[in-house]
Amino acid sequence: MTIPSDPVSDSPAATMLAISQDTFGGPEVLKPVRLPRPEPGPTEVLVRVHAAGVNPTDWKHRAGGGMLGRPPFVLGWDVSGVVEAVGLGVTLYRPGDEVYGMLRYPFGNGAYAEYVTAPARTFAAKPAVLDHVHAAALPLAALTAWQALVDTARVTSGRRVLIHAAAGGVGHLAVQIAKARGAHVIGTASAAKHDFLRGLGADELIDYRTQDFTEVAKDLDAVIDTIGGDYGPRSLRALRPGGVHVSLVLSDLADDLPAQARALGVRTHAMLVEPDHAALKALTALATAHRLTPAIAAVLPLSEAPEAHRLGESAHTTGKIVLDLRDQRMPERRA
């Protein structure tokens, strides 16, 4: 979302609160602003945001390591809220429907705001068993896990899957999705998080601080790599012939990793998450069956978006951080 320089109407109906930034930097660059409220175009819906998930990609873009170009912009891709209006041709939803989804990554950003517009099929009906905070914690991370496990690695019953950083935002959802598909799940995490992961169904756990995962996890069918760096080449050596390594850290993917994979008789793929209406519906079915539940590390009001980033960057959280937009008491400035 690019912030316009034109004057903004004082009418509350014509504007909305958002968190923006004028420059790259630390969490302190995130500031409250008032922007024009968007209008839905053909095939789009306008959603009043009740909660917005916070993901590592948010603070990477804030600091200048993303793909959005120069600020100003509004961050955020995860949304749970209520349809306010529909554009021409939309038949899936009507005003009042509760929906959740991931805005198009990376250039559909803008979830740290009272309203967003996006193509209708960006969203799915919010799982009735989840409130807006928990629903907002799912889309980007759960779609990433689903597309890595199901669409890319094609994990099915009986497959041996290693998930790095298994207690993280993507990792703890990947554990649940892999278990729902009947896989044997191995996770790397600090020992303090092993009980949490056992509760999610993990079959084996490796303390990355004291163990070399390549000595413990062998003959794997798939590795979901959320860490990058030397974890890529090391993960290749833990795969069985024909196994697949899925990297979710594009910037850390070694140029020669595909060649290393071919030499070992395995495959490697670099994956970027996409909006996916059908996958969201599959995730909704898992959530409804109580087979997929996001762990919430913290819930903060929109005004505390800088603190949400500080907390996330500390790397001490388990699960997801969510901004609750139903508490809008915050100072604001003009864009």
C-alpha atoms as a PDB file:
ATOM      1  CA  MET A   1       0.000   0.000   0.000  1.00  0.00           C
ATOM      2  CA  THR A   2       1.587   3.291  -1.114  1.00  0.00           C
ATOM      3  CA  ILE A   3       0.627   6.380   0.888  1.00  0.00           C
ATOM      4  CA  PRO A   4      -0.638   9.259  -1.265  1.00  0.00           C
ATOM      5  CA  SER A   5       0.515  12.821  -0.703  1.00  0.00           C
ATOM      6  CA  ASP A   6      -2.898  14.372  -1.446  1.00  0.00           C
ATOM      7  CA  PRO A   7      -4.836  15.892   1.450  1.00  0.00           C
ATOM      8  CA  VAL A   8      -7.127  13.429   3.215  1.00  0.00           C
ATOM      9  CA  SER A   9     -10.765  14.193   3.943  1.00  0.00           C
ATOM     10  CA  ASP A  10     -11.697  14.689   7.588  1.00  0.00           C
ATOM     11  CA  SER A  11     -14.765  12.469   7.163  1.00  0.00           C
ATOM     12  CA  PRO A  12     -14.301   9.310   9.282  1.00  0.00           C
ATOM     13  CA  ALA A  13     -16.096   7.321   6.582  1.00  0.00           C
ATOM     14  CA  ALA A  14     -13.501   8.411   4.011  1.00  0.00           C
ATOM     15  CA  THR A  15     -10.402   7.610   6.052  1.00  0.00           C
ATOM     16  CA  MET A  16      -8.871   4.853   8.125  1.00  0.00           C
ATOM     17  CA  LEU A  17      -6.140   4.380  10.685  1.00  0.00           C
ATOM     18  CA  ALA A  18      -2.998   2.522   9.654  1.00  0.00           C
ATOM     19  CA  ILE A  19       0.612   1.951  10.669  1.00  0.00           C
ATOM     20  CA  SER A  20       3.106   3.205   8.111  1.00  0.00           C
ATOM     21  CA  GLN A  21       6.772   4.049   7.773  1.00  0.00           C
ATOM     22  CA  ASP A  22       8.597   6.807   5.905  1.00  0.00           C
ATOM     23  CA  THR A  23      12.022   5.212   5.995  1.00  0.00           C
ATOM     24  CA  PHE A  24      13.769   1.910   6.587  1.00  0.00           C
ATOM     25  CA  GLY A  25      14.991   1.204  10.094  1.00  0.00           C
ATOM     26  CA  GLY A  26      14.145  -0.321  13.449  1.00  0.00           C
ATOM     27  CA  PRO A  27      10.677  -0.760  14.955  1.00  0.00           C
ATOM     28  CA  GLU A  28      10.603   2.926  15.873  1.00  0.00           C
ATOM     29  CA  VAL A  29      10.013   3.878  12.211  1.00  0.00           C
ATOM     30  CA  LEU A  30       6.481   2.420  12.413  1.00  0.00           C
ATOM     31  CA  LYS A  31       4.070   5.323  12.958  1.00  0.00           C
ATOM     32  CA  PRO A  32       0.268   5.741  13.093  1.00  0.00           C
ATOM     33  CA  VAL A  33      -1.257   7.624  10.144  1.00  0.00           C
ATOM     34  CA  ARG A  34      -4.670   8.364   8.666  1.00  0.00           C
ATOM     35  CA  LEU A  35      -5.145   7.271   5.044  1.00  0.00           C
ATOM     36  CA  PRO A  36      -7.971   7.265   2.518  1.00  0.00           C
ATOM     37  CA  ARG A  37     -10.217   4.261   2.955  1.00  0.00           C
ATOM     38  CA  PRO A  38      -9.874   2.034  -0.154  1.00  0.00           C
ATOM     39  CA  GLU A  39     -12.811   1.069  -2.361  1.00  0.00           C
ATOM     40  CA  PRO A  40     -13.248  -2.394  -3.872  1.00  0.00           C
ATOM     41  CA  GLY A  41     -12.833  -2.712  -7.631  1.00  0.00           C
ATOM     42  CA  PRO A  42     -14.313  -5.409  -9.862  1.00  0.00           C
ATOM     43  CA  THR A  43     -13.968  -8.898  -8.270  1.00  0.00           C
ATOM     44  CA  GLU A  44     -12.626  -7.320  -5.068  1.00  0.00           C
ATOM     45  CA  VAL A  45     -13.966  -7.089  -1.539  1.00  0.00           C
ATOM     46  CA  LEU A  46     -13.455  -4.423   1.108  1.00  0.00           C
ATOM     47  CA  VAL A  47     -12.693  -6.036   4.471  1.00  0.00           C
ATOM     48  CA  ARG A  48     -12.754  -4.311   7.825  1.00  0.00           C
ATOM     49  CA  VAL A  49      -9.693  -5.760   9.553  1.00  0.00           C
ATOM     50  CA  HIS A  50     -10.332  -7.136  13.028  1.00  0.00           C
ATOM     51  CA  ALA A  51      -6.877  -8.693  13.445  1.00  0.00           C
ATOM     52  CA  ALA A  52      -3.621  -8.794  11.486  1.00  0.00           C
ATOM     53  CA  GLY A  53      -0.923 -11.433  11.851  1.00  0.00           C
ATOM     54  CA  VAL A  54       2.722 -10.417  12.234  1.00  0.00           C
ATOM     55  CA  ASN A  55       5.375 -12.461  10.425  1.00  0.00           C
ATOM     56  CA  PRO A  56       9.180 -12.366  10.109  1.00  0.00           C
ATOM     57  CA  THR A  57       8.830 -11.028   6.577  1.00  0.00           C
ATOM     58  CA  ASP A  58       7.195  -7.926   8.090  1.00  0.00           C
ATOM     59  CA  TRP A  59      10.254  -6.825  10.039  1.00  0.00           C
ATOM     60  CA  LYS A  60      12.582  -7.819   7.215  1.00  0.00           C
ATOM     61  CA  HIS A  61      10.691  -5.481   4.863  1.00  0.00           C
ATOM     62  CA  ARG A  62      10.580  -2.780   7.542  1.00  0.00           C
ATOM     63  CA  ALA A  63      14.370  -2.876   7.848  1.00  0.00           C
ATOM     64  CA  GLY A  64      14.951  -2.732   4.091  1.00  0.00           C
ATOM     65  CA  GLY A  65      15.544  -6.380   3.290  1.00  0.00           C
ATOM     66  CA  GLY A  66      12.329  -6.964   1.339  1.00  0.00           C
ATOM     67  CA  MET A  67      10.952  -6.442  -2.141  1.00  0.00           C
ATOM     68  CA  LEU A  68       8.587  -3.474  -1.736  1.00  0.00           C
ATOM     69  CA  GLY A  69      10.936  -0.733  -2.860  1.00  0.00           C
ATOM     70  CA  ARG A  70      11.334   2.510  -0.926  1.00  0.00           C
ATOM     71  CA  PRO A  71       8.838   3.578   1.761  1.00  0.00           C
ATOM     72  CA  PRO A  72       6.338   4.921   2.541  1.00  0.00           C
ATOM     73  CA  PHE A  73       4.227   1.760   2.758  1.00  0.00           C
ATOM     74  CA  VAL A  74       1.940  -0.136   5.101  1.00  0.00           C
ATOM     75  CA  LEU A  75       3.127  -3.596   6.100  1.00  0.00           C
ATOM     76  CA  GLY A  76       1.208  -6.781   6.815  1.00  0.00           C
ATOM     77  CA  TRP A  77      -0.246  -9.646   4.784  1.00  0.00           C
ATOM     78  CA  ASP A  78      -2.401 -11.620   7.255  1.00  0.00           C
ATOM     79  CA  VAL A  79      -6.017 -10.519   7.672  1.00  0.00           C
ATOM     80  CA  SER A  80      -9.085 -11.687   9.559  1.00  0.00           C
ATOM     81  CA  GLY A  81     -12.148  -9.472   9.454  1.00  0.00           C
ATOM     82  CA  VAL A  82     -15.603  -8.778   8.113  1.00  0.00           C
ATOM     83  CA  VAL A  83     -16.628  -7.964   4.553  1.00  0.00           C
ATOM     84  CA  GLU A  84     -17.754  -4.343   4.406  1.00  0.00           C
ATOM     85  CA  ALA A  85     -18.519  -4.053   0.686  1.00  0.00           C
ATOM     86  CA  VAL A  86     -18.124  -6.078  -2.513  1.00  0.00           C
ATOM     87  CA  GLY A  87     -17.076  -5.000  -5.984  1.00  0.00           C
ATOM     88  CA  LEU A  88     -18.641  -5.752  -9.334  1.00  0.00           C
ATOM     89  CA  GLY A  89     -18.993  -9.448 -10.079  1.00  0.00           C
ATOM     90  CA  VAL A  90     -18.307 -10.811  -6.585  1.00  0.00           C
ATOM     91  CA  THR A  91     -20.587 -13.729  -5.703  1.00  0.00           C
ATOM     92  CA  LEU A  92     -18.647 -15.510  -2.941  1.00  0.00           C
ATOM     93  CA  TYR A  93     -19.327 -13.002  -0.174  1.00  0.00           C
ATOM     94  CA  ARG A  94     -21.720 -10.341   0.968  1.00  0.00           C
ATOM     95  CA  PRO A  95     -21.343  -7.572   3.566  1.00  0.00           C
ATOM     96  CA  GLY A  96     -21.211  -9.016   7.068  1.00  0.00           C
ATOM     97  CA  ASP A  97     -19.418 -12.246   6.133  1.00  0.00           C
ATOM     98  CA  GLU A  98     -16.432 -13.154   8.328  1.00  0.00           C
ATOM     99  CA  VAL A  99     -13.368 -13.960   6.228  1.00  0.00           C
ATOM    100  CA  TYR A 100      -9.639 -14.515   6.565  1.00  0.00           C
ATOM    101  CA  GLY A 101      -6.785 -14.669   4.099  1.00  0.00           C
ATOM    102  CA  MET A 102      -3.344 -13.586   2.949  1.00  0.00           C
ATOM    103  CA  LEU A 103      -2.949 -10.503   0.777  1.00  0.00           C
ATOM    104  CA  ARG A 104      -0.940 -11.135  -2.395  1.00  0.00           C
ATOM    105  CA  TYR A 105       2.695 -11.591  -1.411  1.00  0.00           C
ATOM    106  CA  PRO A 106       4.711  -9.439  -1.554  1.00  0.00           C
ATOM    107  CA  PHE A 107       2.982  -6.570  -3.351  1.00  0.00           C
ATOM    108  CA  GLY A 108      -0.487  -6.819  -1.790  1.00  0.00           C
ATOM    109  CA  ASN A 109       0.791  -5.565   1.568  1.00  0.00           C
ATOM    110  CA  GLY A 110      -1.335  -3.358   3.793  1.00  0.00           C
ATOM    111  CA  ALA A 111      -2.853  -5.419   6.642  1.00  0.00           C
ATOM    112  CA  TYR A 112      -1.762  -2.994   9.393  1.00  0.00           C
ATOM    113  CA  ALA A 113      -4.830  -0.880   8.654  1.00  0.00           C
ATOM    114  CA  GLU A 114      -8.525  -0.701   9.494  1.00  0.00           C
ATOM    115  CA  TYR A 115      -9.521  -1.726   5.948  1.00  0.00           C
ATOM    116  CA  VAL A 116      -8.025  -3.649   3.035  1.00  0.00           C
ATOM    117  CA  THR A 117      -9.198  -4.463  -0.472  1.00  0.00           C
ATOM    118  CA  ALA A 118      -8.176  -7.594  -2.353  1.00  0.00           C
ATOM    119  CA  PRO A 119      -9.572 -10.056  -4.900  1.00  0.00           C
ATOM    120  CA  ALA A 120     -12.443 -11.992  -3.343  1.00  0.00           C
ATOM    121  CA  ARG A 121     -10.688 -15.336  -3.763  1.00  0.00           C
ATOM    122  CA  THR A 122      -7.783 -14.089  -1.665  1.00  0.00           C
ATOM    123  CA  PHE A 123     -10.072 -14.890   1.258  1.00  0.00           C
ATOM    124  CA  ALA A 124     -12.067 -17.822   2.604  1.00  0.00           C
ATOM    125  CA  ALA A 125     -14.807 -18.018   5.192  1.00  0.00           C
ATOM    126  CA  LYS A 126     -13.253 -17.692   8.647  1.00  0.00           C
ATOM    127  CA  PRO A 127     -13.301 -20.968  10.573  1.00  0.00           C
ATOM    128  CA  ALA A 128     -16.192 -20.728  13.024  1.00  0.00           C
ATOM    129  CA  VAL A 129     -14.082 -22.457  15.689  1.00  0.00           C
ATOM    130  CA  LEU A 130     -11.501 -19.639  15.636  1.00  0.00           C
ATOM    131  CA  ASP A 131     -11.846 -16.050  16.785  1.00  0.00           C
ATOM    132  CA  HIS A 132     -10.379 -13.290  14.622  1.00  0.00           C
ATOM    133  CA  VAL A 133      -7.067 -13.238  16.513  1.00  0.00           C
ATOM    134  CA  HIS A 134      -6.443 -16.939  15.943  1.00  0.00           C
ATOM    135  CA  ALA A 135      -7.694 -16.767  12.353  1.00  0.00           C
ATOM    136  CA  ALA A 136      -5.312 -13.890  11.596  1.00  0.00           C
ATOM    137  CA  ALA A 137      -2.418 -16.018  12.844  1.00  0.00           C
ATOM    138  CA  LEU A 138      -2.980 -18.650  10.166  1.00  0.00           C
ATOM    139  CA  PRO A 139      -2.937 -17.488   6.528  1.00  0.00           C
ATOM    140  CA  LEU A 140       0.646 -16.641   5.535  1.00  0.00           C
ATOM    141  CA  ALA A 141       2.323 -19.170   7.820  1.00  0.00           C
ATOM    142  CA  ALA A 142      -0.187 -21.973   7.271  1.00  0.00           C
ATOM    143  CA  LEU A 143      -0.302 -21.439   3.494  1.00  0.00           C
ATOM    144  CA  THR A 144       3.493 -21.513   3.464  1.00  0.00           C
ATOM    145  CA  ALA A 145       3.488 -24.799   5.368  1.00  0.00           C
ATOM    146  CA  TRP A 146       0.725 -26.271   3.176  1.00  0.00           C
ATOM    147  CA  GLN A 147       2.347 -25.276  -0.110  1.00  0.00           C
ATOM    148  CA  ALA A 148       5.730 -26.592   1.064  1.00  0.00           C
ATOM    149  CA  LEU A 149       4.442 -29.900   2.405  1.00  0.00           C
ATOM    150  CA  VAL A 150       1.520 -30.694   0.121  1.00  0.00           C
ATOM    151  CA  ASP A 151       2.116 -28.949  -3.194  1.00  0.00           C
ATOM    152  CA  THR A 152       5.925 -29.058  -3.331  1.00  0.00           C
ATOM    153  CA  ALA A 153       7.100 -32.013  -1.230  1.00  0.00           C
ATOM    154  CA  ARG A 154       3.859 -33.991  -1.784  1.00  0.00           C
ATOM    155  CA  VAL A 155       3.945 -35.408   1.742  1.00  0.00           C
ATOM    156  CA  THR A 156       1.589 -38.332   2.307  1.00  0.00           C
ATOM    157  CA  SER A 157       1.034 -41.001   4.937  1.00  0.00           C
ATOM    158  CA  GLY A 158       4.164 -42.733   6.177  1.00  0.00           C
ATOM    159  CA  ARG A 159       6.638 -40.170   4.823  1.00  0.00           C
ATOM    160  CA  ARG A 160       9.480 -39.052   7.087  1.00  0.00           C
ATOM    161  CA  VAL A 161       9.556 -35.254   7.333  1.00  0.00           C
ATOM    162  CA  LEU A 162      12.046 -32.995   9.109  1.00  0.00           C
ATOM    163  CA  ILE A 163      10.822 -29.498  10.002  1.00  0.00           C
ATOM    164  CA  HIS A 164      13.462 -26.971  11.059  1.00  0.00           C
ATOM    165  CA  ALA A 165      12.514 -24.348  13.683  1.00  0.00           C
ATOM    166  CA  ALA A 166       9.482 -26.487  14.408  1.00  0.00           C
ATOM    167  CA  ALA A 167       8.182 -24.233  17.200  1.00  0.00           C
ATOM    168  CA  GLY A 168       8.186 -21.104  15.027  1.00  0.00           C
ATOM    169  CA  GLY A 169       5.284 -19.490  13.203  1.00  0.00           C
ATOM    170  CA  VAL A 170       5.510 -21.684  10.096  1.00  0.00           C
ATOM    171  CA  GLY A 171       7.077 -24.636  11.884  1.00  0.00           C
ATOM    172  CA  HIS A 172       4.413 -25.361  14.487  1.00  0.00           C
ATOM    173  CA  LEU A 173       1.705 -25.249  11.812  1.00  0.00           C
ATOM    174  CA  ALA A 174       3.778 -27.459   9.503  1.00  0.00           C
ATOM    175  CA  VAL A 175       4.042 -30.039  12.291  1.00  0.00           C
ATOM    176  CA  GLN A 176       0.246 -30.174  12.576  1.00  0.00           C
ATOM    177  CA  ILE A 177      -0.358 -30.290   8.814  1.00  0.00           C
ATOM    178  CA  ALA A 178       2.225 -33.029   8.302  1.00  0.00           C
ATOM    179  CA  LYS A 179       0.700 -35.084  11.134  1.00  0.00           C
ATOM    180  CA  ALA A 180      -2.778 -34.602   9.668  1.00  0.00           C
ATOM    181  CA  ARG A 181      -1.448 -36.138   6.456  1.00  0.00           C
ATOM    182  CA  GLY A 182      -0.085 -39.157   8.310  1.00  0.00           C
ATOM    183  CA  ALA A 183       3.610 -38.296   8.167  1.00  0.00           C
ATOM    184  CA  HIS A 184       6.284 -39.215  10.690  1.00  0.00           C
ATOM    185  CA  VAL A 185       7.374 -35.773  11.903  1.00  0.00           C
ATOM    186  CA  ILE A 186      10.821 -34.851  13.226  1.00  0.00           C
ATOM    187  CA  GLY A 187      11.452 -31.303  14.421  1.00  0.00           C
ATOM    188  CA  THR A 188      14.449 -29.205  15.414  1.00  0.00           C
ATOM    189  CA  ALA A 189      13.903 -26.850  18.354  1.00  0.00           C
ATOM    190  CA  SER A 190      15.468 -25.929  21.681  1.00  0.00           C
ATOM    191  CA  ALA A 191      14.815 -28.427  24.459  1.00  0.00           C
ATOM    192  CA  ALA A 192      12.527 -25.972  26.256  1.00  0.00           C
ATOM    193  CA  LYS A 193      10.058 -26.215  23.366  1.00  0.00           C
ATOM    194  CA  HIS A 194       9.976 -30.005  23.031  1.00  0.00           C
ATOM    195  CA  ASP A 195       6.952 -30.536  25.289  1.00  0.00           C
ATOM    196  CA  PHE A 196       5.001 -27.964  23.269  1.00  0.00           C
ATOM    197  CA  LEU A 197       5.845 -29.780  20.032  1.00  0.00           C
ATOM    198  CA  ARG A 198       5.039 -33.206  21.449  1.00  0.00           C
ATOM    199  CA  GLY A 199       1.630 -31.797  22.262  1.00  0.00           C
ATOM    200  CA  LEU A 200       1.213 -30.952  18.567  1.00  0.00           C
ATOM    201  CA  GLY A 201       2.068 -34.510  17.571  1.00  0.00           C
ATOM    202  CA  ALA A 202       5.783 -34.389  16.722  1.00  0.00           C
ATOM    203  CA  ASP A 203       7.227 -37.919  16.744  1.00  0.00           C
ATOM    204  CA  GLU A 204      10.904 -37.067  17.266  1.00  0.00           C
ATOM    205  CA  LEU A 205      12.613 -33.891  18.444  1.00  0.00           C
ATOM    206  CA  ILE A 206      16.186 -32.713  18.065  1.00  0.00           C
ATOM    207  CA  ASP A 207      17.776 -30.056  20.278  1.00  0.00           C
ATOM    208  CA  TYR A 208      19.729 -28.081  17.702  1.00  0.00           C
ATOM    209  CA  ARG A 209      21.885 -26.595  20.475  1.00  0.00           C
ATOM    210  CA  THR A 210      23.346 -29.942  21.531  1.00  0.00           C
ATOM    211  CA  GLN A 211      22.739 -32.276  18.574  1.00  0.00           C
ATOM    212  CA  ASP A 212      23.711 -32.322  14.916  1.00  0.00           C
ATOM    213  CA  PHE A 213      20.446 -33.114  13.154  1.00  0.00           C
ATOM    214  CA  THR A 214      22.307 -34.914  10.338  1.00  0.00           C
ATOM    215  CA  GLU A 215      23.469 -37.527  12.840  1.00  0.00           C
ATOM    216  CA  VAL A 216      19.946 -38.128  14.142  1.00  0.00           C
ATOM    217  CA  ALA A 217      17.587 -37.637  11.208  1.00  0.00           C
ATOM    218  CA  LYS A 218      18.387 -39.898   8.264  1.00  0.00           C
ATOM    219  CA  ASP A 219      16.602 -41.342   5.219  1.00  0.00           C
ATOM    220  CA  LEU A 220      14.161 -38.444   5.136  1.00  0.00           C
ATOM    221  CA  ASP A 221      11.562 -37.994   2.419  1.00  0.00           C
ATOM    222  CA  ALA A 222      11.321 -34.231   2.920  1.00  0.00           C
ATOM    223  CA  VAL A 223      12.914 -31.338   4.794  1.00  0.00           C
ATOM    224  CA  ILE A 224      11.109 -28.027   5.344  1.00  0.00           C
ATOM    225  CA  ASP A 225      13.891 -25.483   5.843  1.00  0.00           C
ATOM    226  CA  THR A 226      12.923 -22.186   7.472  1.00  0.00           C
ATOM    227  CA  ILE A 227      16.484 -21.315   8.507  1.00  0.00           C
ATOM    228  CA  GLY A 228      18.724 -21.329   5.441  1.00  0.00           C
ATOM    229  CA  GLY A 229      22.488 -20.822   5.545  1.00  0.00           C
ATOM    230  CA  ASP A 230      24.372 -24.076   6.040  1.00  0.00           C
ATOM    231  CA  TYR A 231      21.123 -25.842   6.941  1.00  0.00           C
ATOM    232  CA  GLY A 232      20.497 -26.273   3.215  1.00  0.00           C
ATOM    233  CA  PRO A 233      23.578 -28.358   2.302  1.00  0.00           C
ATOM    234  CA  ARG A 234      23.353 -30.260   5.593  1.00  0.00           C
ATOM    235  CA  SER A 235      19.679 -31.057   5.021  1.00  0.00           C
ATOM    236  CA  LEU A 236      20.430 -32.501   1.588  1.00  0.00           C
ATOM    237  CA  ARG A 237      22.669 -35.104   3.213  1.00  0.00           C
ATOM    238  CA  ALA A 238      19.831 -36.216   5.498  1.00  0.00           C
ATOM    239  CA  LEU A 239      17.502 -37.041   2.594  1.00  0.00           C
ATOM    240  CA  ARG A 240      16.995 -40.464   1.083  1.00  0.00           C
ATOM    241  CA  PRO A 241      17.551 -40.757  -2.705  1.00  0.00           C
ATOM    242  CA  GLY A 242      14.660 -38.968  -4.390  1.00  0.00           C
ATOM    243  CA  GLY A 243      13.884 -36.882  -1.287  1.00  0.00           C
ATOM    244  CA  VAL A 244      13.113 -33.167  -1.447  1.00  0.00           C
ATOM    245  CA  HIS A 245      14.406 -30.121   0.421  1.00  0.00           C
ATOM    246  CA  VAL A 246      12.077 -27.094   0.409  1.00  0.00           C
ATOM    247  CA  SER A 247      13.762 -23.798   1.301  1.00  0.00           C
ATOM    248  CA  LEU A 248      11.611 -20.939   2.571  1.00  0.00           C
ATOM    249  CA  VAL A 249      14.608 -18.581   2.905  1.00  0.00           C
ATOM    250  CA  LEU A 250      15.253 -17.387  -0.619  1.00  0.00           C
ATOM    251  CA  SER A 251      18.013 -14.928   0.288  1.00  0.00           C
ATOM    252  CA  ASP A 252      20.046 -17.681   1.940  1.00  0.00           C
ATOM    253  CA  LEU A 253      19.682 -20.260  -0.804  1.00  0.00           C
ATOM    254  CA  ALA A 254      23.184 -21.145  -2.012  1.00  0.00           C
ATOM    255  CA  ASP A 255      23.714 -20.695  -5.739  1.00  0.00           C
ATOM    256  CA  ASP A 256      25.127 -24.208  -6.028  1.00  0.00           C
ATOM    257  CA  LEU A 257      22.530 -25.944  -3.851  1.00  0.00           C
ATOM    258  CA  PRO A 258      20.630 -27.403  -6.859  1.00  0.00           C
ATOM    259  CA  ALA A 259      23.903 -28.833  -8.185  1.00  0.00           C
ATOM    260  CA  GLN A 260      24.691 -30.334  -4.776  1.00  0.00           C
ATOM    261  CA  ALA A 261      21.206 -31.849  -4.693  1.00  0.00           C
ATOM    262  CA  ARG A 262      21.588 -33.420  -8.141  1.00  0.00           C
ATOM    263  CA  ALA A 263      24.928 -34.927  -7.146  1.00  0.00           C
ATOM    264  CA  LEU A 264      23.244 -36.574  -4.155  1.00  0.00           C
ATOM    265  CA  GLY A 265      20.244 -37.793  -6.120  1.00  0.00           C
ATOM    266  CA  VAL A 266      17.794 -35.502  -4.295  1.00  0.00           C
ATOM    267  CA  ARG A 267      15.872 -32.313  -5.130  1.00  0.00           C
ATOM    268  CA  THR A 268      15.765 -28.797  -3.718  1.00  0.00           C
ATOM    269  CA  HIS A 269      13.174 -26.086  -4.310  1.00  0.00           C
ATOM    270  CA  ALA A 270      13.017 -22.441  -3.254  1.00  0.00           C
ATOM    271  CA  MET A 271       9.408 -21.550  -2.492  1.00  0.00           C
ATOM    272  CA  LEU A 272       7.546 -18.250  -2.146  1.00  0.00           C
ATOM    273  CA  VAL A 273       4.048 -18.378  -0.676  1.00  0.00           C
ATOM    274  CA  GLU A 274       1.032 -17.479  -2.836  1.00  0.00           C
ATOM    275  CA  PRO A 275      -2.611 -16.639  -2.067  1.00  0.00           C
ATOM    276  CA  ASP A 276      -4.614 -19.837  -2.461  1.00  0.00           C
ATOM    277  CA  HIS A 277      -8.387 -19.995  -1.960  1.00  0.00           C
ATOM    278  CA  ALA A 278      -8.535 -23.799  -2.232  1.00  0.00           C
ATOM    279  CA  ALA A 279      -5.705 -24.304   0.265  1.00  0.00           C
ATOM    280  CA  LEU A 280      -7.353 -21.864   2.686  1.00  0.00           C
ATOM    281  CA  LYS A 281     -10.505 -23.977   2.527  1.00  0.00           C
ATOM    282  CA  ALA A 282      -8.428 -27.089   3.269  1.00  0.00           C
ATOM    283  CA  LEU A 283      -6.844 -25.305   6.235  1.00  0.00           C
ATOM    284  CA  THR A 284     -10.308 -24.273   7.415  1.00  0.00           C
ATOM    285  CA  ALA A 285     -11.363 -27.933   7.333  1.00  0.00           C
ATOM    286  CA  LEU A 286      -8.351 -28.904   9.469  1.00  0.00           C
ATOM    287  CA  ALA A 287      -9.048 -26.101  11.939  1.00  0.00           C
ATOM    288  CA  THR A 288     -12.721 -27.072  12.140  1.00  0.00           C
ATOM    289  CA  ALA A 289     -11.707 -30.658  12.876  1.00  0.00           C
ATOM    290  CA  HIS A 290      -9.376 -29.335  15.641  1.00  0.00           C
ATOM    291  CA  ARG A 291      -6.350 -30.676  13.784  1.00  0.00           C
ATOM    292  CA  LEU A 292      -4.814 -27.235  13.176  1.00  0.00           C
ATOM    293  CA  THR A 293      -4.622 -24.576  15.880  1.00  0.00           C
ATOM    294  CA  PRO A 294      -2.209 -21.631  15.816  1.00  0.00           C
ATOM    295  CA  ALA A 295      -0.290 -20.951  19.028  1.00  0.00           C
ATOM    296  CA  ILE A 296      -0.506 -17.286  19.986  1.00  0.00           C
ATOM    297  CA  ALA A 297       2.667 -15.821  21.486  1.00  0.00           C
ATOM    298  CA  ALA A 298       1.243 -12.318  22.033  1.00  0.00           C
ATOM    299  CA  VAL A 299      -1.716 -10.118  21.118  1.00  0.00           C
ATOM    300  CA  LEU A 300      -1.099  -6.373  20.913  1.00  0.00           C
ATOM    301  CA  PRO A 301      -3.192  -3.402  19.745  1.00  0.00           C
ATOM    302  CA  LEU A 302      -2.354  -1.788  16.421  1.00  0.00           C
ATOM    303  CA  SER A 303      -0.715   1.099  18.271  1.00  0.00           C
ATOM    304  CA  GLU A 304       1.911  -1.325  19.575  1.00  0.00           C
ATOM    305  CA  ALA A 305       3.065  -2.571  16.181  1.00  0.00           C
ATOM    306  CA  PRO A 306       6.640  -1.431  16.988  1.00  0.00           C
ATOM    307  CA  GLU A 307       6.589  -3.569  20.141  1.00  0.00           C
ATOM    308  CA  ALA A 308       5.221  -6.508  18.132  1.00  0.00           C
ATOM    309  CA  HIS A 309       8.245  -6.221  15.830  1.00  0.00           C
ATOM    310  CA  ARG A 310      10.656  -5.965  18.773  1.00  0.00           C
ATOM    311  CA  LEU A 311       9.121  -9.055  20.321  1.00  0.00           C
ATOM    312  CA  GLY A 312       9.263 -10.985  17.058  1.00  0.00           C
ATOM    313  CA  GLU A 313      12.865 -10.053  16.359  1.00  0.00           C
ATOM    314  CA  SER A 314      13.897 -11.263  19.812  1.00  0.00           C
ATOM    315  CA  ALA A 315      13.450 -14.851  18.500  1.00  0.00           C
ATOM    316  CA  HIS A 316      12.152 -15.929  21.913  1.00  0.00           C
ATOM    317  CA  THR A 317       8.505 -16.394  20.942  1.00  0.00           C
ATOM    318  CA  THR A 318       6.656 -19.650  20.350  1.00  0.00           C
ATOM    319  CA  GLY A 319       3.911 -19.375  17.749  1.00  0.00           C
ATOM    320  CA  LYS A 320       2.468 -16.192  16.268  1.00  0.00           C
ATOM    321  CA  ILE A 321       2.160 -12.517  17.212  1.00  0.00           C
ATOM    322  CA  VAL A 322      -1.119 -10.819  16.280  1.00  0.00           C
ATOM    323  CA  LEU A 323      -2.282  -7.194  16.167  1.00  0.00           C
ATOM    324  CA  ASP A 324      -5.854  -6.694  17.436  1.00  0.00           C
ATOM    325  CA  LEU A 325      -7.366  -3.803  15.485  1.00  0.00           C
ATOM    326  CA  ARG A 326     -10.517  -3.661  17.562  1.00  0.00           C
ATOM    327  CA  ASP A 327      -8.583  -1.492  20.039  1.00  0.00           C
ATOM    328  CA  GLN A 328      -7.905   1.650  17.991  1.00  0.00           C
ATOM    329  CA  ARG A 329      -6.957   4.033  20.778  1.00  0.00           C
ATOM    330  CA  MET A 330      -3.754   5.527  19.457  1.00  0.00           C
ATOM    331  CA  PRO A 331      -2.310   8.870  18.418  1.00  0.00           C
ATOM    332  CA  GLU A 332      -2.264   9.523  14.708  1.00  0.00           C
ATOM    333  CA  ARG A 333      -0.685  11.824  12.155  1.00  0.00           C
ATOM    334  CA  ARG A 334      -1.452  12.747   8.597  1.00  0.00           C
ATOM    335  CA  ALA A 335       0.259  10.798   5.844  1.00  0.00           C
END
